[in-house]
Amino acid sequence: MSPDVRVAFGPSRAYAELVRHTDSGRLLAIRRPALVALVLASSLGIMATGRLDASLVASLVLCWSFAPILQLLAARLIVLSTPGRPVGVARALDLLFMGHVPWSLWLIAFAAIGAAGLTSDVPRIVAMASAPFIAVWTAAIIRAFCLEVLRTSNRGALVRTLAHQALIWTVTGVYIAVAIAAWPRLIAIAAR
């Protein structure tokens, strides 16, 4: 089984074992964020157009590259906040990005629904209803990462997990609000 899947379904045990392996190399810290960008772009391409080709994926990777970059910056903050960790920054970032499986599976599932041509509101409702579950799953993985890889205390793991998730969700919320012009809509509603 791949280490990413092991982290998704048994994060504490997987991280305790993986932290002992010493992978290295210049691309270590960006290989999984690049994979996340590819999964995101491919899934969005299929959801939007029902098809996938190299030019569409390349365009979407460029357009949505801010998402894995934001995740990488948030990850870097929690890694750098732990100076006594047993692994280097690049290895720690690689290990943390192994925890992206829940969101990747979620994206792929909705791309499959889109590719199947299901156009009712049910897929959107399921997506919205399942997102909190995926968020909690991801938070549990991040907490295990903090405990096993960064070797923080329970309190330190909780603080880092909450800080990481708060940063990600705040930026995501602001992005969505700007994308759908939420403020002008709210002002218009309030002015009635």
Protein backbone atom coordinates (compact mmCIF):
# COMPACT_ATOMS: atom_id res chain seq x y z
CA MET A 1 0.00 0.00 0.00
CA SER A 2 1.29 3.47 -0.82
CA PRO A 3 2.51 5.62 2.08
CA ASP A 4 -0.09 8.26 1.21
CA VAL A 5 -2.95 5.77 1.62
CA ARG A 6 -1.41 4.46 4.84
CA VAL A 7 -1.27 8.03 6.18
CA ALA A 8 -4.92 8.60 5.22
CA PHE A 9 -6.24 5.53 6.98
CA GLY A 10 -3.78 5.17 9.88
CA PRO A 11 -1.94 8.48 10.23
CA SER A 12 -0.31 7.95 13.62
CA ARG A 13 1.09 4.53 12.81
CA ALA A 14 2.11 5.51 9.27
CA TYR A 15 3.85 8.71 10.34
CA ALA A 16 5.64 6.95 13.22
CA GLU A 17 7.13 4.56 10.67
CA LEU A 18 7.70 7.03 7.83
CA VAL A 19 9.55 9.56 9.99
CA ARG A 20 12.34 6.99 10.38
CA HIS A 21 12.97 6.89 6.61
CA THR A 22 15.21 9.61 5.28
CA ASP A 23 14.26 10.61 1.78
CA SER A 24 16.11 13.59 0.38
CA GLY A 25 16.52 15.59 -2.76
CA ARG A 26 15.79 18.99 -4.17
CA LEU A 27 12.31 18.12 -5.40
CA LEU A 28 11.19 16.34 -2.24
CA ALA A 29 9.22 19.28 -0.84
CA ILE A 30 7.33 19.99 -4.07
CA ARG A 31 6.61 16.57 -5.59
CA ARG A 32 3.39 15.98 -3.65
CA PRO A 33 2.18 19.61 -3.92
CA ALA A 34 2.70 19.23 -7.68
CA LEU A 35 0.60 16.06 -7.60
CA VAL A 36 -2.08 17.93 -5.64
CA ALA A 37 -2.06 20.65 -8.33
CA LEU A 38 -2.44 17.99 -11.03
CA VAL A 39 -5.33 16.24 -9.22
CA LEU A 40 -7.04 19.58 -8.61
CA ALA A 41 -6.64 20.73 -12.22
CA SER A 42 -7.70 17.40 -13.69
CA SER A 43 -10.74 17.13 -11.43
CA LEU A 44 -11.85 20.70 -12.11
CA GLY A 45 -11.32 20.21 -15.83
CA ILE A 46 -13.52 17.14 -15.87
CA MET A 47 -16.17 18.79 -13.68
CA ALA A 48 -16.28 21.90 -15.88
CA THR A 49 -16.06 20.38 -19.35
CA GLY A 50 -16.57 16.65 -19.01
CA ARG A 51 -13.26 16.06 -20.78
CA LEU A 52 -9.57 16.27 -20.16
CA ASP A 53 -6.64 17.18 -22.35
CA ALA A 54 -3.11 18.38 -21.76
CA SER A 55 -3.73 22.05 -22.63
CA LEU A 56 -6.75 22.24 -20.31
CA VAL A 57 -4.84 20.61 -17.45
CA ALA A 58 -1.84 22.91 -17.98
CA SER A 59 -4.08 25.97 -17.99
CA LEU A 60 -5.92 24.87 -14.86
CA VAL A 61 -2.67 24.03 -13.06
CA LEU A 62 -1.54 27.61 -13.70
CA CYS A 63 -4.90 29.11 -12.69
CA TRP A 64 -5.25 27.07 -9.51
CA SER A 65 -1.59 26.83 -8.48
CA PHE A 66 -2.31 29.25 -5.66
CA ALA A 67 -4.20 26.48 -3.79
CA PRO A 68 -1.28 24.06 -3.33
CA ILE A 69 1.07 27.02 -2.85
CA LEU A 70 -1.15 28.27 0.00
CA GLN A 71 -1.18 24.77 1.48
CA LEU A 72 2.61 24.60 1.14
CA LEU A 73 3.01 27.96 2.92
CA ALA A 74 0.67 26.91 5.74
CA ALA A 75 2.54 23.62 6.07
CA ARG A 76 5.86 25.44 6.13
CA LEU A 77 4.63 27.65 8.97
CA ILE A 78 3.77 24.72 11.22
CA VAL A 79 6.97 22.87 10.30
CA LEU A 80 9.19 25.88 10.94
CA SER A 81 7.41 26.53 14.25
CA THR A 82 8.96 23.30 15.55
CA PRO A 83 12.75 23.69 15.60
CA GLY A 84 13.46 20.40 17.43
CA ARG A 85 11.80 18.17 14.83
CA PRO A 86 13.69 15.00 13.80
CA VAL A 87 13.37 15.64 10.05
CA GLY A 88 14.37 18.45 7.74
CA VAL A 89 11.91 20.94 6.28
CA ALA A 90 11.69 19.29 2.86
CA ARG A 91 11.01 15.83 4.32
CA ALA A 92 8.47 17.25 6.78
CA LEU A 93 6.61 19.03 3.96
CA ASP A 94 6.60 15.85 1.88
CA LEU A 95 5.23 13.86 4.82
CA LEU A 96 2.51 16.42 5.55
CA PHE A 97 1.37 16.46 1.92
CA MET A 98 0.87 12.70 2.13
CA GLY A 99 -2.19 13.71 4.11
CA HIS A 100 -3.92 15.18 1.07
CA VAL A 101 -5.54 11.85 0.13
CA PRO A 102 -8.98 12.69 1.64
CA TRP A 103 -9.34 15.87 -0.42
CA SER A 104 -7.88 14.21 -3.52
CA LEU A 105 -10.41 11.38 -3.24
CA TRP A 106 -13.18 13.92 -2.73
CA LEU A 107 -12.16 15.85 -5.85
CA ILE A 108 -11.83 12.69 -7.94
CA ALA A 109 -15.26 11.47 -6.79
CA PHE A 110 -16.92 14.67 -7.92
CA ALA A 111 -15.01 14.64 -11.19
CA ALA A 112 -16.37 11.14 -11.78
CA ILE A 113 -19.90 12.35 -11.03
CA GLY A 114 -19.37 15.20 -13.49
CA ALA A 115 -17.96 12.87 -16.12
CA ALA A 116 -21.00 10.63 -15.70
CA GLY A 117 -23.16 13.60 -16.69
CA LEU A 118 -25.17 13.78 -13.48
CA THR A 119 -26.60 17.29 -13.60
CA SER A 120 -29.04 17.37 -10.69
CA ASP A 121 -28.37 19.35 -7.53
CA VAL A 122 -27.73 16.10 -5.64
CA PRO A 123 -23.95 16.03 -6.37
CA ARG A 124 -23.58 19.62 -5.12
CA ILE A 125 -25.57 18.84 -1.99
CA VAL A 126 -23.49 15.71 -1.37
CA ALA A 127 -20.30 17.73 -1.93
CA MET A 128 -21.33 20.37 0.57
CA ALA A 129 -22.52 17.78 3.10
CA SER A 130 -19.35 15.66 2.82
CA ALA A 131 -16.84 18.53 2.94
CA PRO A 132 -16.97 18.90 6.77
CA PHE A 133 -16.23 15.17 7.13
CA ILE A 134 -13.21 15.52 4.83
CA ALA A 135 -12.08 18.61 6.76
CA VAL A 136 -12.22 16.74 10.09
CA TRP A 137 -10.42 13.74 8.55
CA THR A 138 -7.69 16.06 7.28
CA ALA A 139 -7.38 17.77 10.66
CA ALA A 140 -6.88 14.36 12.30
CA ILE A 141 -4.08 13.63 9.82
CA ILE A 142 -2.43 17.00 10.51
CA ARG A 143 -2.65 16.40 14.26
CA ALA A 144 -0.99 12.97 13.84
CA PHE A 145 1.69 14.63 11.69
CA CYS A 146 2.41 17.16 14.45
CA LEU A 147 2.60 14.46 17.10
CA GLU A 148 4.63 11.86 15.20
CA VAL A 149 6.75 13.87 12.75
CA LEU A 150 7.21 17.20 14.52
CA ARG A 151 7.15 15.50 17.94
CA THR A 152 5.03 18.21 19.51
CA SER A 153 2.98 17.86 22.67
CA ASN A 154 -0.77 17.23 22.42
CA ARG A 155 -1.34 20.94 23.01
CA GLY A 156 1.27 21.87 20.39
CA ALA A 157 -0.34 19.54 17.88
CA LEU A 158 -3.76 21.03 18.55
CA VAL A 159 -2.49 24.61 18.23
CA ARG A 160 -0.62 23.87 14.99
CA THR A 161 -3.54 21.94 13.50
CA LEU A 162 -5.99 24.74 14.32
CA ALA A 163 -3.60 27.41 13.01
CA HIS A 164 -3.02 25.47 9.77
CA GLN A 165 -6.72 24.88 9.18
CA ALA A 166 -7.69 28.44 10.16
CA LEU A 167 -5.25 29.86 7.63
CA ILE A 168 -6.41 27.52 4.85
CA TRP A 169 -10.13 28.04 5.50
CA THR A 170 -9.88 31.80 5.99
CA VAL A 171 -8.09 32.29 2.67
CA THR A 172 -10.49 29.85 0.98
CA GLY A 173 -13.50 31.72 2.38
CA VAL A 174 -12.16 35.09 1.27
CA TYR A 175 -11.40 33.69 -2.20
CA ILE A 176 -14.93 32.28 -2.54
CA ALA A 177 -16.48 35.52 -1.26
CA VAL A 178 -14.52 37.53 -3.82
CA ALA A 179 -15.23 35.04 -6.63
CA ILE A 180 -19.00 35.18 -6.11
CA ALA A 181 -19.06 38.90 -5.28
CA ALA A 182 -20.47 38.19 -1.83
CA TRP A 183 -19.93 41.66 -0.38
CA PRO A 184 -21.83 43.58 -3.08
CA ARG A 185 -24.65 41.01 -2.83
CA LEU A 186 -24.81 41.34 0.97
CA ILE A 187 -24.79 45.14 0.74
CA ALA A 188 -27.61 45.02 -1.83
CA ILE A 189 -29.64 42.73 0.44
CA ALA A 190 -29.00 44.97 3.47
CA ALA A 191 -30.01 48.07 1.50
CA ARG A 192 -33.48 46.69 0.74
